[in-house]
Amino acid sequence: MDDKTRTEIEAAAFRALREHLIEKRPDVQNIDLMNLGGFCRNCLSRWYQEAANARGIEMTKDEAREIFYGMPYDQWKDAHQTEADETKKAAFEVAFRENVGERS
């Protein structure tokens, strides 16, 4: 497989993952994704931002999130995010530290 085809397939897979998380399963909470998988929608939007920045495209965290979520992040949270219990919050702190790093 040539590099162009591989990149196109990888991009299609990313779009399918995004659609699944945004369109088909907005009920799955970011905290649950992070606690179980070590990443969440915000990680995906951060990786998108980092890839853009690495190519010389200026993009803020908020801009990347709006592109990924298809709306401002606060609007997404209001529509889909529920309050997590203390057990999930504690697990998130561990998962975040292990997978992303120390919180600033």
N, C-alpha and C. Protein backbone atom coordinates (compact mmCIF):
# COMPACT_ATOMS: atom_id res chain seq x y z
N MET A 1 0.85 -1.18 0.00
CA MET A 1 0.00 0.00 0.00
C MET A 1 0.90 1.24 0.00
N ASP A 2 0.59 2.18 -0.86
CA ASP A 2 1.39 3.39 -0.92
C ASP A 2 0.99 4.35 0.21
N ASP A 3 1.86 5.32 0.48
CA ASP A 3 1.65 6.26 1.59
C ASP A 3 0.37 7.08 1.43
N LYS A 4 0.07 7.51 0.23
CA LYS A 4 -1.13 8.33 0.00
C LYS A 4 -2.39 7.52 0.33
N THR A 5 -2.44 6.29 -0.11
CA THR A 5 -3.60 5.44 0.17
C THR A 5 -3.71 5.16 1.66
N ARG A 6 -2.57 4.87 2.30
CA ARG A 6 -2.58 4.62 3.75
C ARG A 6 -3.11 5.85 4.49
N THR A 7 -2.65 7.03 4.12
CA THR A 7 -3.11 8.27 4.77
C THR A 7 -4.61 8.46 4.56
N GLU A 8 -5.09 8.19 3.37
CA GLU A 8 -6.52 8.32 3.09
C GLU A 8 -7.34 7.34 3.92
N ILE A 9 -6.86 6.13 4.06
CA ILE A 9 -7.57 5.13 4.87
C ILE A 9 -7.54 5.52 6.34
N GLU A 10 -6.40 5.98 6.82
CA GLU A 10 -6.30 6.43 8.21
C GLU A 10 -7.24 7.60 8.46
N ALA A 11 -7.32 8.53 7.53
CA ALA A 11 -8.22 9.68 7.67
C ALA A 11 -9.68 9.22 7.70
N ALA A 12 -10.02 8.26 6.86
CA ALA A 12 -11.39 7.73 6.84
C ALA A 12 -11.71 7.04 8.16
N ALA A 13 -10.76 6.31 8.70
CA ALA A 13 -10.97 5.64 9.99
C ALA A 13 -11.16 6.67 11.10
N PHE A 14 -10.38 7.74 11.08
CA PHE A 14 -10.53 8.81 12.07
C PHE A 14 -11.92 9.44 11.96
N ARG A 15 -12.36 9.72 10.73
CA ARG A 15 -13.69 10.31 10.55
C ARG A 15 -14.78 9.37 11.05
N ALA A 16 -14.62 8.08 10.84
CA ALA A 16 -15.59 7.10 11.32
C ALA A 16 -15.61 7.07 12.85
N LEU A 17 -14.44 7.13 13.48
CA LEU A 17 -14.38 7.17 14.94
C LEU A 17 -15.04 8.43 15.46
N ARG A 18 -14.74 9.57 14.86
CA ARG A 18 -15.35 10.83 15.27
C ARG A 18 -16.86 10.76 15.14
N GLU A 19 -17.36 10.28 14.00
CA GLU A 19 -18.80 10.17 13.80
C GLU A 19 -19.43 9.25 14.84
N HIS A 20 -18.77 8.15 15.13
CA HIS A 20 -19.31 7.22 16.12
C HIS A 20 -19.43 7.90 17.48
N LEU A 21 -18.39 8.60 17.91
CA LEU A 21 -18.40 9.23 19.23
C LEU A 21 -19.30 10.46 19.29
N ILE A 22 -19.40 11.21 18.21
CA ILE A 22 -20.18 12.45 18.22
C ILE A 22 -21.63 12.21 17.84
N GLU A 23 -21.86 11.45 16.80
CA GLU A 23 -23.21 11.28 16.26
C GLU A 23 -23.95 10.08 16.84
N LYS A 24 -23.27 8.95 16.91
CA LYS A 24 -23.96 7.72 17.30
C LYS A 24 -23.94 7.45 18.80
N ARG A 25 -22.88 7.88 19.50
CA ARG A 25 -22.77 7.60 20.92
C ARG A 25 -22.40 8.82 21.76
N PRO A 26 -23.16 9.90 21.61
CA PRO A 26 -22.87 11.07 22.45
C PRO A 26 -23.16 10.81 23.92
N ASP A 27 -23.89 9.72 24.20
CA ASP A 27 -24.22 9.36 25.58
C ASP A 27 -23.01 8.82 26.35
N VAL A 28 -22.01 8.32 25.63
CA VAL A 28 -20.82 7.81 26.29
C VAL A 28 -20.01 9.01 26.79
N GLN A 29 -19.80 9.06 28.07
CA GLN A 29 -19.15 10.21 28.69
C GLN A 29 -17.64 10.19 28.46
N ASN A 30 -17.05 11.37 28.29
CA ASN A 30 -15.60 11.49 28.14
C ASN A 30 -14.87 10.86 29.32
N ILE A 31 -15.39 11.04 30.51
CA ILE A 31 -14.72 10.51 31.69
C ILE A 31 -14.66 8.99 31.63
N ASP A 32 -15.72 8.36 31.10
CA ASP A 32 -15.73 6.90 30.96
C ASP A 32 -14.72 6.44 29.90
N LEU A 33 -14.65 7.19 28.79
CA LEU A 33 -13.67 6.87 27.76
C LEU A 33 -12.25 6.95 28.32
N MET A 34 -11.96 8.02 29.06
CA MET A 34 -10.63 8.21 29.63
C MET A 34 -10.32 7.12 30.66
N ASN A 35 -11.28 6.83 31.51
CA ASN A 35 -11.04 5.84 32.56
C ASN A 35 -10.83 4.44 31.99
N LEU A 36 -11.52 4.12 30.91
CA LEU A 36 -11.40 2.78 30.33
C LEU A 36 -10.34 2.69 29.24
N GLY A 37 -10.24 3.72 28.41
CA GLY A 37 -9.36 3.64 27.25
C GLY A 37 -8.11 4.49 27.31
N GLY A 38 -8.06 5.40 28.26
CA GLY A 38 -6.90 6.27 28.35
C GLY A 38 -6.91 7.44 27.39
N PHE A 39 -8.06 7.67 26.74
CA PHE A 39 -8.23 8.83 25.87
C PHE A 39 -9.71 9.15 25.80
N CYS A 40 -10.03 10.36 25.34
CA CYS A 40 -11.43 10.76 25.20
C CYS A 40 -11.55 11.69 23.99
N ARG A 41 -12.71 12.24 23.81
CA ARG A 41 -12.93 13.16 22.68
C ARG A 41 -11.98 14.36 22.76
N ASN A 42 -11.72 14.84 23.98
CA ASN A 42 -10.82 15.98 24.12
C ASN A 42 -9.40 15.61 23.71
N CYS A 43 -8.98 14.38 23.99
CA CYS A 43 -7.67 13.92 23.53
C CYS A 43 -7.62 13.92 22.01
N LEU A 44 -8.67 13.41 21.38
CA LEU A 44 -8.71 13.39 19.92
C LEU A 44 -8.64 14.79 19.35
N SER A 45 -9.34 15.74 19.96
CA SER A 45 -9.28 17.12 19.46
C SER A 45 -7.89 17.72 19.71
N ARG A 46 -7.24 17.34 20.82
CA ARG A 46 -5.88 17.82 21.09
C ARG A 46 -4.90 17.25 20.07
N TRP A 47 -5.05 15.99 19.75
CA TRP A 47 -4.17 15.38 18.74
C TRP A 47 -4.38 16.05 17.39
N TYR A 48 -5.60 16.41 17.09
CA TYR A 48 -5.92 17.14 15.85
C TYR A 48 -5.19 18.48 15.86
N GLN A 49 -5.28 19.20 16.98
CA GLN A 49 -4.61 20.49 17.11
C GLN A 49 -3.10 20.33 16.97
N GLU A 50 -2.54 19.33 17.64
CA GLU A 50 -1.09 19.12 17.57
C GLU A 50 -0.64 18.81 16.15
N ALA A 51 -1.44 18.01 15.42
CA ALA A 51 -1.09 17.70 14.02
C ALA A 51 -1.14 18.95 13.16
N ALA A 52 -2.13 19.81 13.39
CA ALA A 52 -2.22 21.07 12.64
C ALA A 52 -1.03 21.96 12.97
N ASN A 53 -0.75 22.12 14.26
CA ASN A 53 0.36 22.97 14.68
C ASN A 53 1.69 22.46 14.13
N ALA A 54 1.88 21.14 14.09
CA ALA A 54 3.11 20.56 13.56
C ALA A 54 3.30 20.87 12.08
N ARG A 55 2.19 21.17 11.41
CA ARG A 55 2.25 21.50 9.99
C ARG A 55 2.21 23.01 9.75
N GLY A 56 2.41 23.78 10.84
CA GLY A 56 2.47 25.23 10.73
C GLY A 56 1.11 25.90 10.69
N ILE A 57 0.05 25.17 11.02
CA ILE A 57 -1.30 25.74 11.05
C ILE A 57 -1.61 26.13 12.49
N GLU A 58 -1.79 27.42 12.72
CA GLU A 58 -2.11 27.90 14.05
C GLU A 58 -3.53 27.46 14.41
N MET A 59 -3.68 26.80 15.54
CA MET A 59 -4.99 26.35 15.99
C MET A 59 -4.96 26.28 17.50
N THR A 60 -5.94 26.89 18.14
CA THR A 60 -6.04 26.84 19.59
C THR A 60 -6.79 25.58 20.02
N LYS A 61 -6.72 25.30 21.30
CA LYS A 61 -7.45 24.18 21.87
C LYS A 61 -8.94 24.33 21.60
N ASP A 62 -9.47 25.53 21.82
CA ASP A 62 -10.90 25.76 21.60
C ASP A 62 -11.29 25.60 20.14
N GLU A 63 -10.44 26.06 19.23
CA GLU A 63 -10.73 25.90 17.80
C GLU A 63 -10.74 24.42 17.41
N ALA A 64 -9.77 23.67 17.92
CA ALA A 64 -9.71 22.23 17.61
C ALA A 64 -10.92 21.51 18.17
N ARG A 65 -11.32 21.86 19.39
CA ARG A 65 -12.49 21.22 19.98
C ARG A 65 -13.75 21.52 19.17
N GLU A 66 -13.90 22.76 18.72
CA GLU A 66 -15.08 23.10 17.94
C GLU A 66 -15.11 22.34 16.61
N ILE A 67 -13.95 22.18 15.99
CA ILE A 67 -13.88 21.39 14.77
C ILE A 67 -14.26 19.94 15.06
N PHE A 68 -13.69 19.38 16.11
CA PHE A 68 -13.95 17.97 16.41
C PHE A 68 -15.39 17.72 16.84
N TYR A 69 -15.89 18.55 17.76
CA TYR A 69 -17.24 18.36 18.29
C TYR A 69 -18.33 18.86 17.33
N GLY A 70 -17.95 19.71 16.39
CA GLY A 70 -18.93 20.25 15.47
C GLY A 70 -19.74 21.38 16.07
N MET A 71 -19.30 21.87 17.20
CA MET A 71 -19.95 22.97 17.93
C MET A 71 -19.00 23.41 19.04
N PRO A 72 -19.25 24.57 19.63
CA PRO A 72 -18.41 24.96 20.77
C PRO A 72 -18.49 23.91 21.88
N TYR A 73 -17.36 23.66 22.53
CA TYR A 73 -17.29 22.62 23.55
C TYR A 73 -18.30 22.83 24.67
N ASP A 74 -18.49 24.07 25.11
CA ASP A 74 -19.47 24.33 26.18
C ASP A 74 -20.88 23.92 25.74
N GLN A 75 -21.20 24.12 24.48
CA GLN A 75 -22.51 23.70 23.96
C GLN A 75 -22.62 22.17 24.01
N TRP A 76 -21.56 21.47 23.63
CA TRP A 76 -21.55 20.00 23.70
C TRP A 76 -21.77 19.54 25.14
N LYS A 77 -21.01 20.14 26.06
CA LYS A 77 -21.13 19.74 27.47
C LYS A 77 -22.55 19.94 27.97
N ASP A 78 -23.14 21.08 27.65
CA ASP A 78 -24.51 21.35 28.10
C ASP A 78 -25.50 20.33 27.55
N ALA A 79 -25.28 19.88 26.34
CA ALA A 79 -26.21 18.95 25.70
C ALA A 79 -25.98 17.50 26.09
N HIS A 80 -24.72 17.12 26.43
CA HIS A 80 -24.42 15.70 26.55
C HIS A 80 -23.72 15.27 27.84
N GLN A 81 -23.07 16.17 28.52
CA GLN A 81 -22.26 15.76 29.66
C GLN A 81 -23.11 15.70 30.93
N THR A 82 -22.90 14.62 31.68
CA THR A 82 -23.58 14.45 32.97
C THR A 82 -22.55 14.55 34.08
N GLU A 83 -23.01 14.78 35.28
CA GLU A 83 -22.12 14.88 36.44
C GLU A 83 -21.58 13.50 36.80
N ALA A 84 -20.29 13.41 37.00
CA ALA A 84 -19.65 12.15 37.38
C ALA A 84 -19.61 12.04 38.89
N ASP A 85 -19.70 10.80 39.37
CA ASP A 85 -19.60 10.58 40.81
C ASP A 85 -18.13 10.64 41.24
N GLU A 86 -17.91 10.63 42.54
CA GLU A 86 -16.55 10.79 43.08
C GLU A 86 -15.63 9.65 42.69
N THR A 87 -16.16 8.44 42.55
CA THR A 87 -15.34 7.30 42.15
C THR A 87 -14.80 7.50 40.74
N LYS A 88 -15.67 7.94 39.82
CA LYS A 88 -15.24 8.20 38.44
C LYS A 88 -14.23 9.35 38.39
N LYS A 89 -14.47 10.39 39.19
CA LYS A 89 -13.55 11.52 39.20
C LYS A 89 -12.17 11.10 39.69
N ALA A 90 -12.12 10.27 40.72
CA ALA A 90 -10.83 9.80 41.25
C ALA A 90 -10.12 8.93 40.21
N ALA A 91 -10.86 8.05 39.55
CA ALA A 91 -10.27 7.20 38.51
C ALA A 91 -9.76 8.06 37.35
N PHE A 92 -10.49 9.13 37.03
CA PHE A 92 -10.08 10.02 35.96
C PHE A 92 -8.75 10.68 36.28
N GLU A 93 -8.56 11.11 37.50
CA GLU A 93 -7.29 11.76 37.87
C GLU A 93 -6.12 10.82 37.62
N VAL A 94 -6.29 9.55 37.96
CA VAL A 94 -5.23 8.56 37.72
C VAL A 94 -5.05 8.35 36.22
N ALA A 95 -6.14 8.12 35.50
CA ALA A 95 -6.07 7.86 34.05
C ALA A 95 -5.46 9.05 33.32
N PHE A 96 -5.85 10.26 33.70
CA PHE A 96 -5.31 11.45 33.05
C PHE A 96 -3.81 11.54 33.27
N ARG A 97 -3.39 11.35 34.51
CA ARG A 97 -1.97 11.44 34.84
C ARG A 97 -1.16 10.38 34.08
N GLU A 98 -1.70 9.16 34.00
CA GLU A 98 -0.99 8.07 33.33
C GLU A 98 -0.94 8.24 31.81
N ASN A 99 -1.96 8.83 31.23
CA ASN A 99 -2.08 8.88 29.78
C ASN A 99 -1.79 10.23 29.16
N VAL A 100 -1.98 11.29 29.91
CA VAL A 100 -1.79 12.64 29.38
C VAL A 100 -0.65 13.35 30.10
N GLY A 101 -0.60 13.24 31.40
CA GLY A 101 0.43 13.90 32.19
C GLY A 101 -0.21 14.64 33.34
N GLU A 102 0.59 15.37 34.05
CA GLU A 102 0.10 16.14 35.18
C GLU A 102 -0.82 17.25 34.69
N ARG A 103 -1.86 17.49 35.44
CA ARG A 103 -2.79 18.59 35.10
C ARG A 103 -2.17 19.90 35.50
N SER A 104 -2.34 20.90 34.64
CA SER A 104 -1.77 22.22 34.95
C SER A 104 -2.80 23.12 35.56
